Amino acid sequence: MDFNRKNIKVSQVCPGAVETEFSRVRFKGDEKRAAAVYDGFQPLNAGDIADMILYIVKAPAHVNISDVVILPAAQASATIFNRKQS
């Protein structure tokens, strides 16, 4: 999409593991299984994503942040996590 001539900036934010209610819904309310998704590492939270979006929105007019991939420090890819043993 080209919105450049209309002075509209488009940004894409791709978050990694974010602790939300998604895991509870995914496991049909099973809190134990939902919590286990985040065992051994600190996931992102909604505030982390909100802070990134605020940063994008507040960027100067001459700056266009088109893509952001934001992951927890322990997440290397969609399926690879450096989980600490408890």
PDB file of N, CA and C in Angstrom:
ATOM      1  N   MET A   1       0.838  -1.182   0.000  1.00  0.00           N
ATOM      2  CA  MET A   1       0.000   0.000   0.000  1.00  0.00           C
ATOM      3  C   MET A   1       0.882   1.243   0.000  1.00  0.00           C
ATOM      4  N   ASP A   2       0.514   2.176  -0.806  1.00  0.00           N
ATOM      5  CA  ASP A   2       1.272   3.419  -0.870  1.00  0.00           C
ATOM      6  C   ASP A   2       0.390   4.574  -0.422  1.00  0.00           C
ATOM      7  N   PHE A   3       0.631   4.996   0.811  1.00  0.00           N
ATOM      8  CA  PHE A   3      -0.089   6.145   1.352  1.00  0.00           C
ATOM      9  C   PHE A   3       0.829   7.352   1.478  1.00  0.00           C
ATOM     10  N   ASN A   4       2.018   7.234   0.939  1.00  0.00           N
ATOM     11  CA  ASN A   4       3.029   8.269   1.083  1.00  0.00           C
ATOM     12  C   ASN A   4       2.537   9.624   0.581  1.00  0.00           C
ATOM     13  N   ARG A   5       1.883   9.642  -0.539  1.00  0.00           N
ATOM     14  CA  ARG A   5       1.404  10.916  -1.104  1.00  0.00           C
ATOM     15  C   ARG A   5       0.322  11.555  -0.251  1.00  0.00           C
ATOM     16  N   LYS A   6      -0.322  10.769   0.576  1.00  0.00           N
ATOM     17  CA  LYS A   6      -1.362  11.294   1.460  1.00  0.00           C
ATOM     18  C   LYS A   6      -0.816  11.585   2.860  1.00  0.00           C
ATOM     19  N   ASN A   7       0.509  11.428   3.021  1.00  0.00           N
ATOM     20  CA  ASN A   7       1.180  11.671   4.301  1.00  0.00           C
ATOM     21  C   ASN A   7       0.630  10.774   5.420  1.00  0.00           C
ATOM     22  N   ILE A   8       0.317   9.531   5.056  1.00  0.00           N
ATOM     23  CA  ILE A   8      -0.156   8.545   6.030  1.00  0.00           C
ATOM     24  C   ILE A   8       0.941   7.510   6.212  1.00  0.00           C
ATOM     25  N   LYS A   9       1.332   7.300   7.458  1.00  0.00           N
ATOM     26  CA  LYS A   9       2.359   6.301   7.759  1.00  0.00           C
ATOM     27  C   LYS A   9       1.679   5.014   8.220  1.00  0.00           C
ATOM     28  N   VAL A  10       2.203   3.887   7.774  1.00  0.00           N
ATOM     29  CA  VAL A  10       1.680   2.576   8.154  1.00  0.00           C
ATOM     30  C   VAL A  10       2.793   1.806   8.844  1.00  0.00           C
ATOM     31  N   SER A  11       2.485   1.263  10.018  1.00  0.00           N
ATOM     32  CA  SER A  11       3.461   0.479  10.778  1.00  0.00           C
ATOM     33  C   SER A  11       2.880  -0.883  11.105  1.00  0.00           C
ATOM     34  N   GLN A  12       3.753  -1.873  11.124  1.00  0.00           N
ATOM     35  CA  GLN A  12       3.370  -3.236  11.497  1.00  0.00           C
ATOM     36  C   GLN A  12       4.153  -3.617  12.748  1.00  0.00           C
ATOM     37  N   VAL A  13       3.433  -4.070  13.782  1.00  0.00           N
ATOM     38  CA  VAL A  13       4.072  -4.520  15.019  1.00  0.00           C
ATOM     39  C   VAL A  13       3.836  -6.019  15.135  1.00  0.00           C
ATOM     40  N   CYS A  14       4.925  -6.780  15.204  1.00  0.00           N
ATOM     41  CA  CYS A  14       4.862  -8.238  15.282  1.00  0.00           C
ATOM     42  C   CYS A  14       5.401  -8.675  16.643  1.00  0.00           C
ATOM     43  N   PRO A  15       4.522  -8.936  17.600  1.00  0.00           N
ATOM     44  CA  PRO A  15       4.991  -9.322  18.930  1.00  0.00           C
ATOM     45  C   PRO A  15       5.268 -10.813  19.032  1.00  0.00           C
ATOM     46  N   GLY A  16       6.224 -11.136  19.892  1.00  0.00           N
ATOM     47  CA  GLY A  16       6.487 -12.528  20.230  1.00  0.00           C
ATOM     48  C   GLY A  16       5.539 -12.950  21.343  1.00  0.00           C
ATOM     49  N   ALA A  17       6.056 -13.699  22.297  1.00  0.00           N
ATOM     50  CA  ALA A  17       5.236 -14.217  23.394  1.00  0.00           C
ATOM     51  C   ALA A  17       4.811 -13.082  24.322  1.00  0.00           C
ATOM     52  N   VAL A  18       3.507 -12.843  24.366  1.00  0.00           N
ATOM     53  CA  VAL A  18       2.933 -11.815  25.232  1.00  0.00           C
ATOM     54  C   VAL A  18       1.950 -12.504  26.166  1.00  0.00           C
ATOM     55  N   GLU A  19       2.110 -12.271  27.457  1.00  0.00           N
ATOM     56  CA  GLU A  19       1.211 -12.895  28.431  1.00  0.00           C
ATOM     57  C   GLU A  19      -0.133 -12.173  28.402  1.00  0.00           C
ATOM     58  N   THR A  20      -1.120 -12.842  27.820  1.00  0.00           N
ATOM     59  CA  THR A  20      -2.482 -12.309  27.724  1.00  0.00           C
ATOM     60  C   THR A  20      -3.454 -13.439  28.039  1.00  0.00           C
ATOM     61  N   GLU A  21      -4.732 -13.155  27.901  1.00  0.00           N
ATOM     62  CA  GLU A  21      -5.748 -14.181  28.134  1.00  0.00           C
ATOM     63  C   GLU A  21      -5.804 -15.199  26.998  1.00  0.00           C
ATOM     64  N   PHE A  22      -5.043 -14.998  25.935  1.00  0.00           N
ATOM     65  CA  PHE A  22      -5.068 -15.909  24.792  1.00  0.00           C
ATOM     66  C   PHE A  22      -4.794 -17.350  25.217  1.00  0.00           C
ATOM     67  N   SER A  23      -3.806 -17.557  26.091  1.00  0.00           N
ATOM     68  CA  SER A  23      -3.477 -18.929  26.502  1.00  0.00           C
ATOM     69  C   SER A  23      -4.618 -19.568  27.286  1.00  0.00           C
ATOM     70  N   ARG A  24      -5.314 -18.780  28.099  1.00  0.00           N
ATOM     71  CA  ARG A  24      -6.468 -19.329  28.830  1.00  0.00           C
ATOM     72  C   ARG A  24      -7.572 -19.739  27.859  1.00  0.00           C
ATOM     73  N   VAL A  25      -7.797 -18.923  26.848  1.00  0.00           N
ATOM     74  CA  VAL A  25      -8.812 -19.253  25.842  1.00  0.00           C
ATOM     75  C   VAL A  25      -8.366 -20.475  25.046  1.00  0.00           C
ATOM     76  N   ARG A  26      -7.105 -20.496  24.654  1.00  0.00           N
ATOM     77  CA  ARG A  26      -6.550 -21.609  23.874  1.00  0.00           C
ATOM     78  C   ARG A  26      -6.737 -22.942  24.590  1.00  0.00           C
ATOM     79  N   PHE A  27      -6.524 -22.929  25.916  1.00  0.00           N
ATOM     80  CA  PHE A  27      -6.639 -24.158  26.707  1.00  0.00           C
ATOM     81  C   PHE A  27      -7.972 -24.241  27.442  1.00  0.00           C
ATOM     82  N   LYS A  28      -8.968 -23.549  26.926  1.00  0.00           N
ATOM     83  CA  LYS A  28     -10.348 -23.625  27.403  1.00  0.00           C
ATOM     84  C   LYS A  28     -10.473 -23.434  28.915  1.00  0.00           C
ATOM     85  N   GLY A  29      -9.786 -22.416  29.436  1.00  0.00           N
ATOM     86  CA  GLY A  29      -9.887 -22.069  30.847  1.00  0.00           C
ATOM     87  C   GLY A  29      -8.970 -22.834  31.772  1.00  0.00           C
ATOM     88  N   ASP A  30      -8.160 -23.739  31.252  1.00  0.00           N
ATOM     89  CA  ASP A  30      -7.227 -24.508  32.088  1.00  0.00           C
ATOM     90  C   ASP A  30      -6.060 -23.597  32.479  1.00  0.00           C
ATOM     91  N   GLU A  31      -6.175 -23.006  33.678  1.00  0.00           N
ATOM     92  CA  GLU A  31      -5.190 -22.023  34.145  1.00  0.00           C
ATOM     93  C   GLU A  31      -3.782 -22.609  34.244  1.00  0.00           C
ATOM     94  N   LYS A  32      -3.682 -23.865  34.666  1.00  0.00           N
ATOM     95  CA  LYS A  32      -2.369 -24.493  34.839  1.00  0.00           C
ATOM     96  C   LYS A  32      -1.655 -24.634  33.490  1.00  0.00           C
ATOM     97  N   ARG A  33      -2.363 -25.116  32.495  1.00  0.00           N
ATOM     98  CA  ARG A  33      -1.768 -25.255  31.160  1.00  0.00           C
ATOM     99  C   ARG A  33      -1.448 -23.895  30.557  1.00  0.00           C
ATOM    100  N   ALA A  34      -2.328 -22.930  30.802  1.00  0.00           N
ATOM    101  CA  ALA A  34      -2.101 -21.582  30.278  1.00  0.00           C
ATOM    102  C   ALA A  34      -0.844 -20.969  30.889  1.00  0.00           C
ATOM    103  N   ALA A  35      -0.664 -21.116  32.183  1.00  0.00           N
ATOM    104  CA  ALA A  35       0.514 -20.567  32.869  1.00  0.00           C
ATOM    105  C   ALA A  35       1.790 -21.264  32.414  1.00  0.00           C
ATOM    106  N   ALA A  36       1.696 -22.549  32.093  1.00  0.00           N
ATOM    107  CA  ALA A  36       2.872 -23.326  31.686  1.00  0.00           C
ATOM    108  C   ALA A  36       3.480 -22.816  30.376  1.00  0.00           C
ATOM    109  N   VAL A  37       2.681 -22.139  29.569  1.00  0.00           N
ATOM    110  CA  VAL A  37       3.188 -21.574  28.314  1.00  0.00           C
ATOM    111  C   VAL A  37       4.361 -20.636  28.590  1.00  0.00           C
ATOM    112  N   TYR A  38       4.313 -19.956  29.730  1.00  0.00           N
ATOM    113  CA  TYR A  38       5.318 -18.940  30.058  1.00  0.00           C
ATOM    114  C   TYR A  38       6.337 -19.419  31.089  1.00  0.00           C
ATOM    115  N   ASP A  39       6.342 -20.716  31.396  1.00  0.00           N
ATOM    116  CA  ASP A  39       7.297 -21.257  32.374  1.00  0.00           C
ATOM    117  C   ASP A  39       8.733 -21.057  31.899  1.00  0.00           C
ATOM    118  N   GLY A  40       9.569 -20.577  32.795  1.00  0.00           N
ATOM    119  CA  GLY A  40      10.998 -20.509  32.533  1.00  0.00           C
ATOM    120  C   GLY A  40      11.491 -19.269  31.811  1.00  0.00           C
ATOM    121  N   PHE A  41      10.596 -18.343  31.493  1.00  0.00           N
ATOM    122  CA  PHE A  41      11.035 -17.089  30.876  1.00  0.00           C
ATOM    123  C   PHE A  41      10.011 -16.002  31.176  1.00  0.00           C
ATOM    124  N   GLN A  42      10.451 -14.774  31.063  1.00  0.00           N
ATOM    125  CA  GLN A  42       9.554 -13.644  31.290  1.00  0.00           C
ATOM    126  C   GLN A  42       9.000 -13.175  29.951  1.00  0.00           C
ATOM    127  N   PRO A  43       7.696 -13.383  29.727  1.00  0.00           N
ATOM    128  CA  PRO A  43       7.102 -12.946  28.468  1.00  0.00           C
ATOM    129  C   PRO A  43       6.916 -11.428  28.455  1.00  0.00           C
ATOM    130  N   LEU A  44       6.614 -10.913  27.305  1.00  0.00           N
ATOM    131  CA  LEU A  44       6.214  -9.517  27.210  1.00  0.00           C
ATOM    132  C   LEU A  44       4.846  -9.365  27.858  1.00  0.00           C
ATOM    133  N   ASN A  45       4.463  -8.132  28.141  1.00  0.00           N
ATOM    134  CA  ASN A  45       3.108  -7.879  28.623  1.00  0.00           C
ATOM    135  C   ASN A  45       2.473  -6.813  27.732  1.00  0.00           C
ATOM    136  N   ALA A  46       1.200  -6.585  27.927  1.00  0.00           N
ATOM    137  CA  ALA A  46       0.483  -5.629  27.080  1.00  0.00           C
ATOM    138  C   ALA A  46       1.117  -4.244  27.134  1.00  0.00           C
ATOM    139  N   GLY A  47       1.644  -3.869  28.296  1.00  0.00           N
ATOM    140  CA  GLY A  47       2.301  -2.571  28.436  1.00  0.00           C
ATOM    141  C   GLY A  47       3.526  -2.435  27.554  1.00  0.00           C
ATOM    142  N   ASP A  48       4.274  -3.530  27.389  1.00  0.00           N
ATOM    143  CA  ASP A  48       5.448  -3.502  26.505  1.00  0.00           C
ATOM    144  C   ASP A  48       5.040  -3.171  25.070  1.00  0.00           C
ATOM    145  N   ILE A  49       3.955  -3.784  24.634  1.00  0.00           N
ATOM    146  CA  ILE A  49       3.479  -3.552  23.267  1.00  0.00           C
ATOM    147  C   ILE A  49       2.928  -2.128  23.139  1.00  0.00           C
ATOM    148  N   ALA A  50       2.189  -1.692  24.154  1.00  0.00           N
ATOM    149  CA  ALA A  50       1.652  -0.328  24.144  1.00  0.00           C
ATOM    150  C   ALA A  50       2.776   0.703  24.090  1.00  0.00           C
ATOM    151  N   ASP A  51       3.854   0.469  24.851  1.00  0.00           N
ATOM    152  CA  ASP A  51       4.996   1.390  24.828  1.00  0.00           C
ATOM    153  C   ASP A  51       5.605   1.474  23.430  1.00  0.00           C
ATOM    154  N   MET A  52       5.707   0.334  22.751  1.00  0.00           N
ATOM    155  CA  MET A  52       6.265   0.326  21.398  1.00  0.00           C
ATOM    156  C   MET A  52       5.365   1.105  20.440  1.00  0.00           C
ATOM    157  N   ILE A  53       4.068   0.894  20.552  1.00  0.00           N
ATOM    158  CA  ILE A  53       3.123   1.612  19.686  1.00  0.00           C
ATOM    159  C   ILE A  53       3.184   3.113  19.961  1.00  0.00           C
ATOM    160  N   LEU A  54       3.282   3.488  21.226  1.00  0.00           N
ATOM    161  CA  LEU A  54       3.400   4.906  21.572  1.00  0.00           C
ATOM    162  C   LEU A  54       4.671   5.504  20.966  1.00  0.00           C
ATOM    163  N   TYR A  55       5.763   4.752  21.023  1.00  0.00           N
ATOM    164  CA  TYR A  55       7.022   5.206  20.421  1.00  0.00           C
ATOM    165  C   TYR A  55       6.839   5.458  18.922  1.00  0.00           C
ATOM    166  N   ILE A  56       6.158   4.537  18.255  1.00  0.00           N
ATOM    167  CA  ILE A  56       5.916   4.673  16.812  1.00  0.00           C
ATOM    168  C   ILE A  56       5.068   5.913  16.528  1.00  0.00           C
ATOM    169  N   VAL A  57       3.999   6.073  17.292  1.00  0.00           N
ATOM    170  CA  VAL A  57       3.077   7.190  17.074  1.00  0.00           C
ATOM    171  C   VAL A  57       3.751   8.538  17.331  1.00  0.00           C
ATOM    172  N   LYS A  58       4.651   8.567  18.310  1.00  0.00           N
ATOM    173  CA  LYS A  58       5.323   9.821  18.665  1.00  0.00           C
ATOM    174  C   LYS A  58       6.569  10.110  17.816  1.00  0.00           C
ATOM    175  N   ALA A  59       6.890   9.239  16.896  1.00  0.00           N
ATOM    176  CA  ALA A  59       8.070   9.454  16.050  1.00  0.00           C
ATOM    177  C   ALA A  59       7.911  10.760  15.270  1.00  0.00           C
ATOM    178  N   PRO A  60       9.009  11.463  15.056  1.00  0.00           N
ATOM    179  CA  PRO A  60       8.937  12.712  14.290  1.00  0.00           C
ATOM    180  C   PRO A  60       8.334  12.482  12.901  1.00  0.00           C
ATOM    181  N   ALA A  61       7.810  13.535  12.330  1.00  0.00           N
ATOM    182  CA  ALA A  61       7.127  13.445  11.032  1.00  0.00           C
ATOM    183  C   ALA A  61       8.019  12.881   9.932  1.00  0.00           C
ATOM    184  N   HIS A  62       9.320  13.090  10.031  1.00  0.00           N
ATOM    185  CA  HIS A  62      10.223  12.610   8.974  1.00  0.00           C
ATOM    186  C   HIS A  62      10.644  11.148   9.171  1.00  0.00           C
ATOM    187  N   VAL A  63      10.146  10.507  10.228  1.00  0.00           N
ATOM    188  CA  VAL A  63      10.508   9.118  10.540  1.00  0.00           C
ATOM    189  C   VAL A  63       9.308   8.212  10.290  1.00  0.00           C
ATOM    190  N   ASN A  64       9.537   7.130   9.550  1.00  0.00           N
ATOM    191  CA  ASN A  64       8.500   6.122   9.336  1.00  0.00           C
ATOM    192  C   ASN A  64       9.032   4.782   9.814  1.00  0.00           C
ATOM    193  N   ILE A  65       8.442   4.258  10.854  1.00  0.00           N
ATOM    194  CA  ILE A  65       8.820   2.941  11.378  1.00  0.00           C
ATOM    195  C   ILE A  65       7.849   1.949  10.753  1.00  0.00           C
ATOM    196  N   SER A  66       8.306   1.252   9.735  1.00  0.00           N
ATOM    197  CA  SER A  66       7.390   0.394   8.983  1.00  0.00           C
ATOM    198  C   SER A  66       7.193  -0.971   9.622  1.00  0.00           C
ATOM    199  N   ASP A  67       8.243  -1.554  10.185  1.00  0.00           N
ATOM    200  CA  ASP A  67       8.143  -2.892  10.773  1.00  0.00           C
ATOM    201  C   ASP A  67       8.871  -2.957  12.104  1.00  0.00           C
ATOM    202  N   VAL A  68       8.218  -3.591  13.081  1.00  0.00           N
ATOM    203  CA  VAL A  68       8.839  -3.834  14.382  1.00  0.00           C
ATOM    204  C   VAL A  68       8.568  -5.282  14.762  1.00  0.00           C
ATOM    205  N   VAL A  69       9.626  -6.009  15.085  1.00  0.00           N
ATOM    206  CA  VAL A  69       9.498  -7.342  15.675  1.00  0.00           C
ATOM    207  C   VAL A  69       9.965  -7.194  17.108  1.00  0.00           C
ATOM    208  N   ILE A  70       9.086  -7.452  18.064  1.00  0.00           N
ATOM    209  CA  ILE A  70       9.416  -7.288  19.472  1.00  0.00           C
ATOM    210  C   ILE A  70       9.219  -8.628  20.180  1.00  0.00           C
ATOM    211  N   LEU A  71      10.308  -9.132  20.756  1.00  0.00           N
ATOM    212  CA  LEU A  71      10.314 -10.442  21.409  1.00  0.00           C
ATOM    213  C   LEU A  71      10.817 -10.302  22.840  1.00  0.00           C
ATOM    214  N   PRO A  72      10.414 -11.220  23.718  1.00  0.00           N
ATOM    215  CA  PRO A  72      11.067 -11.276  25.020  1.00  0.00           C
ATOM    216  C   PRO A  72      12.545 -11.625  24.811  1.00  0.00           C
ATOM    217  N   ALA A  73      13.392 -11.204  25.709  1.00  0.00           N
ATOM    218  CA  ALA A  73      14.829 -11.471  25.572  1.00  0.00           C
ATOM    219  C   ALA A  73      15.119 -12.966  25.452  1.00  0.00           C
ATOM    220  N   ALA A  74      14.287 -13.803  26.046  1.00  0.00           N
ATOM    221  CA  ALA A  74      14.506 -15.249  26.031  1.00  0.00           C
ATOM    222  C   ALA A  74      13.954 -15.930  24.776  1.00  0.00           C
ATOM    223  N   GLN A  75      13.353 -15.185  23.876  1.00  0.00           N
ATOM    224  CA  GLN A  75      12.750 -15.774  22.679  1.00  0.00           C
ATOM    225  C   GLN A  75      13.609 -15.480  21.463  1.00  0.00           C
ATOM    226  N   ALA A  76      14.090 -16.542  20.811  1.00  0.00           N
ATOM    227  CA  ALA A  76      14.934 -16.391  19.624  1.00  0.00           C
ATOM    228  C   ALA A  76      14.121 -16.398  18.333  1.00  0.00           C
ATOM    229  N   SER A  77      13.026 -17.136  18.330  1.00  0.00           N
ATOM    230  CA  SER A  77      12.155 -17.221  17.154  1.00  0.00           C
ATOM    231  C   SER A  77      10.768 -17.632  17.634  1.00  0.00           C
ATOM    232  N   ALA A  78       9.887 -17.916  16.695  1.00  0.00           N
ATOM    233  CA  ALA A  78       8.520 -18.281  17.071  1.00  0.00           C
ATOM    234  C   ALA A  78       8.460 -19.518  17.960  1.00  0.00           C
ATOM    235  N   THR A  79       9.429 -20.413  17.820  1.00  0.00           N
ATOM    236  CA  THR A  79       9.377 -21.678  18.570  1.00  0.00           C
ATOM    237  C   THR A  79      10.582 -21.931  19.464  1.00  0.00           C
ATOM    238  N   ILE A  80      11.556 -21.044  19.465  1.00  0.00           N
ATOM    239  CA  ILE A  80      12.778 -21.275  20.251  1.00  0.00           C
ATOM    240  C   ILE A  80      12.846 -20.291  21.412  1.00  0.00           C
ATOM    241  N   PHE A  81      12.858 -20.857  22.641  1.00  0.00           N
ATOM    242  CA  PHE A  81      12.923 -20.069  23.866  1.00  0.00           C
ATOM    243  C   PHE A  81      14.081 -20.565  24.716  1.00  0.00           C
ATOM    244  N   ASN A  82      14.752 -19.658  25.379  1.00  0.00           N
ATOM    245  CA  ASN A  82      15.782 -20.013  26.352  1.00  0.00           C
ATOM    246  C   ASN A  82      15.106 -20.035  27.723  1.00  0.00           C
ATOM    247  N   ARG A  83      14.531 -21.177  28.050  1.00  0.00           N
ATOM    248  CA  ARG A  83      13.799 -21.315  29.318  1.00  0.00           C
ATOM    249  C   ARG A  83      14.759 -21.693  30.436  1.00  0.00           C
ATOM    250  N   LYS A  84      14.629 -21.005  31.555  1.00  0.00           N
ATOM    251  CA  LYS A  84      15.429 -21.342  32.736  1.00  0.00           C
ATOM    252  C   LYS A  84      14.757 -22.491  33.471  1.00  0.00           C
ATOM    253  N   GLN A  85      15.556 -23.428  33.935  1.00  0.00           N
ATOM    254  CA  GLN A  85      15.024 -24.562  34.695  1.00  0.00           C
ATOM    255  C   GLN A  85      14.707 -24.105  36.115  1.00  0.00           C
ATOM    256  N   SER A  86      13.573 -24.549  36.642  1.00  0.00           N
ATOM    257  CA  SER A  86      13.207 -24.152  38.012  1.00  0.00           C
ATOM    258  C   SER A  86      13.617 -25.179  39.027  1.00  0.00           C
TER     259      SER A  86
END
